[in-house]
PDB file of N, CA and C in Angstrom:
ATOM      1  N   MET A   1      77.749 -18.076  43.243  1.00  0.00           N
ATOM      2  CA  MET A   1      79.359 -17.256  44.159  1.00  0.00           C
ATOM      3  C   MET A   1      78.190 -15.590  44.076  1.00  0.00           C
ATOM      4  N   SER A   2      77.291 -15.261  43.464  1.00  0.00           N
ATOM      5  CA  SER A   2      76.752 -14.688  43.386  1.00  0.00           C
ATOM      6  C   SER A   2      75.333 -14.359  44.654  1.00  0.00           C
ATOM      7  N   MET A   3      75.085 -15.657  45.285  1.00  0.00           N
ATOM      8  CA  MET A   3      74.028 -15.645  45.712  1.00  0.00           C
ATOM      9  C   MET A   3      74.215 -15.832  47.131  1.00  0.00           C
ATOM     10  N   MET A   4      75.502 -15.721  47.497  1.00  0.00           N
ATOM     11  CA  MET A   4      76.184 -16.257  48.758  1.00  0.00           C
ATOM     12  C   MET A   4      75.860 -14.849  49.692  1.00  0.00           C
ATOM     13  N   SER A   5      75.583 -14.928  50.858  1.00  0.00           N
ATOM     14  CA  SER A   5      75.224 -13.714  51.844  1.00  0.00           C
ATOM     15  C   SER A   5      76.718 -13.073  51.978  1.00  0.00           C
ATOM     16  N   LYS A   6      75.848 -11.517  51.480  1.00  0.00           N
ATOM     17  CA  LYS A   6      76.805 -10.577  52.138  1.00  0.00           C
ATOM     18  C   LYS A   6      77.999 -10.650  53.356  1.00  0.00           C
ATOM     19  N   GLY A   7      76.627 -11.256  54.465  1.00  0.00           N
ATOM     20  CA  GLY A   7      77.553 -11.411  55.717  1.00  0.00           C
ATOM     21  C   GLY A   7      78.500 -12.001  55.940  1.00  0.00           C
ATOM     22  N   PHE A   8      78.259 -13.363  54.956  1.00  0.00           N
ATOM     23  CA  PHE A   8      79.694 -14.281  54.815  1.00  0.00           C
ATOM     24  C   PHE A   8      81.341 -12.955  53.922  1.00  0.00           C
ATOM     25  N   LEU A   9      80.140 -13.129  52.908  1.00  0.00           N
ATOM     26  CA  LEU A   9      81.658 -12.871  52.078  1.00  0.00           C
ATOM     27  C   LEU A   9      82.440 -11.213  52.840  1.00  0.00           C
ATOM     28  N   TRP A  10      81.643 -10.656  54.157  1.00  0.00           N
ATOM     29  CA  TRP A  10      82.365  -9.938  54.609  1.00  0.00           C
ATOM     30  C   TRP A  10      83.122 -10.198  55.122  1.00  0.00           C
ATOM     31  N   LEU A  11      82.249 -11.075  55.925  1.00  0.00           N
ATOM     32  CA  LEU A  11      83.921 -12.107  56.714  1.00  0.00           C
ATOM     33  C   LEU A  11      84.520 -12.713  56.137  1.00  0.00           C
ATOM     34  N   LEU A  12      84.934 -13.332  54.913  1.00  0.00           N
ATOM     35  CA  LEU A  12      86.299 -12.911  54.385  1.00  0.00           C
ATOM     36  C   LEU A  12      87.246 -12.335  54.142  1.00  0.00           C
ATOM     37  N   LEU A  13      86.545 -11.493  53.685  1.00  0.00           N
ATOM     38  CA  LEU A  13      87.359 -10.053  54.441  1.00  0.00           C
ATOM     39  C   LEU A  13      87.626  -9.860  54.985  1.00  0.00           C
ATOM     40  N   VAL A  14      87.370  -9.912  56.262  1.00  0.00           N
ATOM     41  CA  VAL A  14      87.970  -9.770  57.825  1.00  0.00           C
ATOM     42  C   VAL A  14      88.712 -10.328  57.372  1.00  0.00           C
ATOM     43  N   LEU A  15      88.546 -11.403  57.486  1.00  0.00           N
ATOM     44  CA  LEU A  15      90.056 -12.507  57.133  1.00  0.00           C
ATOM     45  C   LEU A  15      91.026 -12.865  56.293  1.00  0.00           C
ATOM     46  N   ASN A  16      90.677 -12.886  55.153  1.00  0.00           N
ATOM     47  CA  ASN A  16      92.131 -11.939  54.236  1.00  0.00           C
ATOM     48  C   ASN A  16      92.717 -10.468  54.977  1.00  0.00           C
ATOM     49  N   ILE A  17      92.097  -9.332  55.761  1.00  0.00           N
ATOM     50  CA  ILE A  17      92.986  -8.805  55.867  1.00  0.00           C
ATOM     51  C   ILE A  17      94.112  -8.983  57.423  1.00  0.00           C
ATOM     52  N   ILE A  18      93.180  -9.821  58.267  1.00  0.00           N
ATOM     53  CA  ILE A  18      93.823 -10.419  59.375  1.00  0.00           C
ATOM     54  C   ILE A  18      94.733 -11.231  58.555  1.00  0.00           C
ATOM     55  N   LEU A  19      94.743 -12.032  57.832  1.00  0.00           N
ATOM     56  CA  LEU A  19      95.908 -12.948  56.903  1.00  0.00           C
ATOM     57  C   LEU A  19      97.005 -11.826  56.494  1.00  0.00           C
ATOM     58  N   ILE A  20      96.695 -10.813  55.938  1.00  0.00           N
ATOM     59  CA  ILE A  20      97.627  -9.524  55.826  1.00  0.00           C
ATOM     60  C   ILE A  20      97.748  -9.362  56.504  1.00  0.00           C
ATOM     61  N   GLY A  21      97.796  -8.848  57.602  1.00  0.00           N
ATOM     62  CA  GLY A  21      98.227  -8.336  59.581  1.00  0.00           C
ATOM     63  C   GLY A  21      99.463  -9.549  59.348  1.00  0.00           C
ATOM     64  N   PHE A  22      99.245 -11.266  59.656  1.00  0.00           N
ATOM     65  CA  PHE A  22     100.192 -11.802  59.725  1.00  0.00           C
ATOM     66  C   PHE A  22     101.768 -12.466  59.038  1.00  0.00           C
ATOM     67  N   LEU A  23     101.368 -12.215  57.542  1.00  0.00           N
ATOM     68  CA  LEU A  23     102.160 -11.990  56.597  1.00  0.00           C
ATOM     69  C   LEU A  23     103.098 -11.099  56.858  1.00  0.00           C
ATOM     70  N   ILE A  24     102.243  -9.718  57.217  1.00  0.00           N
ATOM     71  CA  ILE A  24     104.069  -8.415  57.489  1.00  0.00           C
ATOM     72  C   ILE A  24     103.927  -8.756  59.073  1.00  0.00           C
ATOM     73  N   SER A  25     103.962  -9.770  59.743  1.00  0.00           N
ATOM     74  CA  SER A  25     104.300  -9.517  61.477  1.00  0.00           C
ATOM     75  C   SER A  25     104.983 -10.981  61.276  1.00  0.00           C
ATOM     76  N   MET A  26     104.802 -11.153  59.670  1.00  0.00           N
ATOM     77  CA  MET A  26     106.308 -12.820  59.584  1.00  0.00           C
ATOM     78  C   MET A  26     105.656 -13.963  60.408  1.00  0.00           C
ATOM     79  N   ASN A  27     104.159 -13.823  60.908  1.00  0.00           N
ATOM     80  CA  ASN A  27     103.806 -14.793  61.552  1.00  0.00           C
ATOM     81  C   ASN A  27     103.755 -15.951  60.355  1.00  0.00           C
ATOM     82  N   ASN A  28     104.514 -16.323  59.897  1.00  0.00           N
ATOM     83  CA  ASN A  28     103.859 -17.826  59.232  1.00  0.00           C
ATOM     84  C   ASN A  28     102.817 -18.959  59.675  1.00  0.00           C
ATOM     85  N   MET A  29     103.151 -19.217  60.214  1.00  0.00           N
ATOM     86  CA  MET A  29     102.365 -20.832  60.872  1.00  0.00           C
ATOM     87  C   MET A  29     101.061 -20.389  60.978  1.00  0.00           C
ATOM     88  N   ALA A  30     100.909 -19.045  61.714  1.00  0.00           N
ATOM     89  CA  ALA A  30      99.531 -19.012  61.924  1.00  0.00           C
ATOM     90  C   ALA A  30      98.444 -17.904  60.601  1.00  0.00           C
ATOM     91  N   ALA A  31      99.537 -18.002  59.425  1.00  0.00           N
ATOM     92  CA  ALA A  31      99.350 -17.255  58.004  1.00  0.00           C
ATOM     93  C   ALA A  31      98.994 -19.046  56.984  1.00  0.00           C
ATOM     94  N   MET A  32      99.908 -19.189  57.527  1.00  0.00           N
ATOM     95  CA  MET A  32      99.466 -20.830  57.243  1.00  0.00           C
ATOM     96  C   MET A  32      97.280 -20.876  57.578  1.00  0.00           C
ATOM     97  N   TRP A  33      97.594 -21.473  58.861  1.00  0.00           N
ATOM     98  CA  TRP A  33      96.265 -21.913  59.095  1.00  0.00           C
ATOM     99  C   TRP A  33      94.720 -20.675  58.557  1.00  0.00           C
ATOM    100  N   MET A  34      95.250 -19.006  58.590  1.00  0.00           N
ATOM    101  CA  MET A  34      94.138 -18.511  57.874  1.00  0.00           C
ATOM    102  C   MET A  34      93.689 -18.461  57.141  1.00  0.00           C
ATOM    103  N   MET A  35      94.643 -19.400  55.570  1.00  0.00           N
ATOM    104  CA  MET A  35      94.906 -19.882  54.764  1.00  0.00           C
ATOM    105  C   MET A  35      94.110 -20.639  54.152  1.00  0.00           C
ATOM    106  N   ALA A  36      94.206 -21.708  55.041  1.00  0.00           N
ATOM    107  CA  ALA A  36      93.514 -22.818  54.798  1.00  0.00           C
ATOM    108  C   ALA A  36      92.404 -22.643  55.850  1.00  0.00           C
ATOM    109  N   ILE A  37      91.729 -21.959  56.210  1.00  0.00           N
ATOM    110  CA  ILE A  37      90.392 -21.603  56.623  1.00  0.00           C
ATOM    111  C   ILE A  37      89.517 -20.960  55.981  1.00  0.00           C
ATOM    112  N   ILE A  38      90.270 -19.908  55.803  1.00  0.00           N
ATOM    113  CA  ILE A  38      89.440 -19.135  53.920  1.00  0.00           C
ATOM    114  C   ILE A  38      89.157 -19.928  53.788  1.00  0.00           C
ATOM    115  N   MET A  39      89.774 -21.141  52.412  1.00  0.00           N
ATOM    116  CA  MET A  39      89.774 -21.090  51.787  1.00  0.00           C
ATOM    117  C   MET A  39      88.613 -22.306  52.155  1.00  0.00           C
ATOM    118  N   LEU A  40      88.429 -22.937  52.816  1.00  0.00           N
ATOM    119  CA  LEU A  40      87.591 -24.114  53.790  1.00  0.00           C
ATOM    120  C   LEU A  40      86.366 -23.663  53.100  1.00  0.00           C
ATOM    121  N   LEU A  41      85.507 -21.929  54.076  1.00  0.00           N
ATOM    122  CA  LEU A  41      84.394 -21.398  53.694  1.00  0.00           C
ATOM    123  C   LEU A  41      85.062 -20.931  52.591  1.00  0.00           C
ATOM    124  N   ASP A  42      85.454 -20.941  51.917  1.00  0.00           N
ATOM    125  CA  ASP A  42      84.770 -20.231  50.804  1.00  0.00           C
ATOM    126  C   ASP A  42      84.433 -20.924  49.664  1.00  0.00           C
ATOM    127  N   SER A  43      85.030 -22.451  50.081  1.00  0.00           N
ATOM    128  CA  SER A  43      84.493 -23.672  49.099  1.00  0.00           C
ATOM    129  C   SER A  43      83.462 -23.968  48.995  1.00  0.00           C
ATOM    130  N   ILE A  44      82.754 -23.755  50.553  1.00  0.00           N
ATOM    131  CA  ILE A  44      81.537 -24.696  51.367  1.00  0.00           C
ATOM    132  C   ILE A  44      81.386 -23.395  51.285  1.00  0.00           C
ATOM    133  N   GLY A  45      81.272 -22.319  50.765  1.00  0.00           N
ATOM    134  CA  GLY A  45      80.097 -20.979  50.706  1.00  0.00           C
ATOM    135  C   GLY A  45      80.170 -21.326  48.584  1.00  0.00           C
ATOM    136  N   SER A  46      80.478 -21.630  48.134  1.00  0.00           N
ATOM    137  CA  SER A  46      80.474 -22.236  46.994  1.00  0.00           C
ATOM    138  C   SER A  46      79.705 -23.153  46.641  1.00  0.00           C
ATOM    139  N   LEU A  47      79.714 -24.256  47.100  1.00  0.00           N
ATOM    140  CA  LEU A  47      78.367 -25.977  47.497  1.00  0.00           C
ATOM    141  C   LEU A  47      77.403 -25.649  47.581  1.00  0.00           C
ATOM    142  N   PHE A  48      77.176 -24.116  48.866  1.00  0.00           N
ATOM    143  CA  PHE A  48      75.957 -23.246  49.002  1.00  0.00           C
ATOM    144  C   PHE A  48      75.179 -23.036  48.181  1.00  0.00           C
ATOM    145  N   ALA A  49      75.633 -22.253  47.653  1.00  0.00           N
ATOM    146  CA  ALA A  49      75.533 -21.323  46.203  1.00  0.00           C
ATOM    147  C   ALA A  49      75.183 -21.893  45.311  1.00  0.00           C
ATOM    148  N   VAL A  50      75.658 -23.208  45.125  1.00  0.00           N
ATOM    149  CA  VAL A  50      75.034 -23.936  43.347  1.00  0.00           C
ATOM    150  C   VAL A  50      74.262 -24.484  43.693  1.00  0.00           C
ATOM    151  N   TYR A  51      74.547 -25.001  45.223  1.00  0.00           N
ATOM    152  CA  TYR A  51      72.938 -26.006  45.334  1.00  0.00           C
ATOM    153  C   TYR A  51      71.621 -25.204  45.942  1.00  0.00           C
ATOM    154  N   ARG A  52      72.446 -24.351  46.189  1.00  0.00           N
ATOM    155  CA  ARG A  52      71.042 -23.539  47.196  1.00  0.00           C
ATOM    156  C   ARG A  52      69.906 -22.983  45.519  1.00  0.00           C
ATOM    157  N   LYS A  53      70.304 -23.326  44.432  1.00  0.00           N
ATOM    158  CA  LYS A  53      69.172 -23.213  43.876  1.00  0.00           C
ATOM    159  C   LYS A  53      67.619 -23.960  43.352  1.00  0.00           C
TER     160      LYS A  53
END
C-alpha cells in the first residue's frame, strides 16, 4: 500500500469526503454507489502496489 501514488490517495480522500456528504444529506443510494467505487479503486490500487515490485 505504501507504493501507491500520492495523487491516487488524494483521490480516495476526496471520494470519501463526498461519501460523507451523501450520508449527511440522506442520499443513501448515491452513498452506496460511492462506497462501491471507493472499494473498487482501493482494491485495484492495492493490487498494483503489490505486483509493482
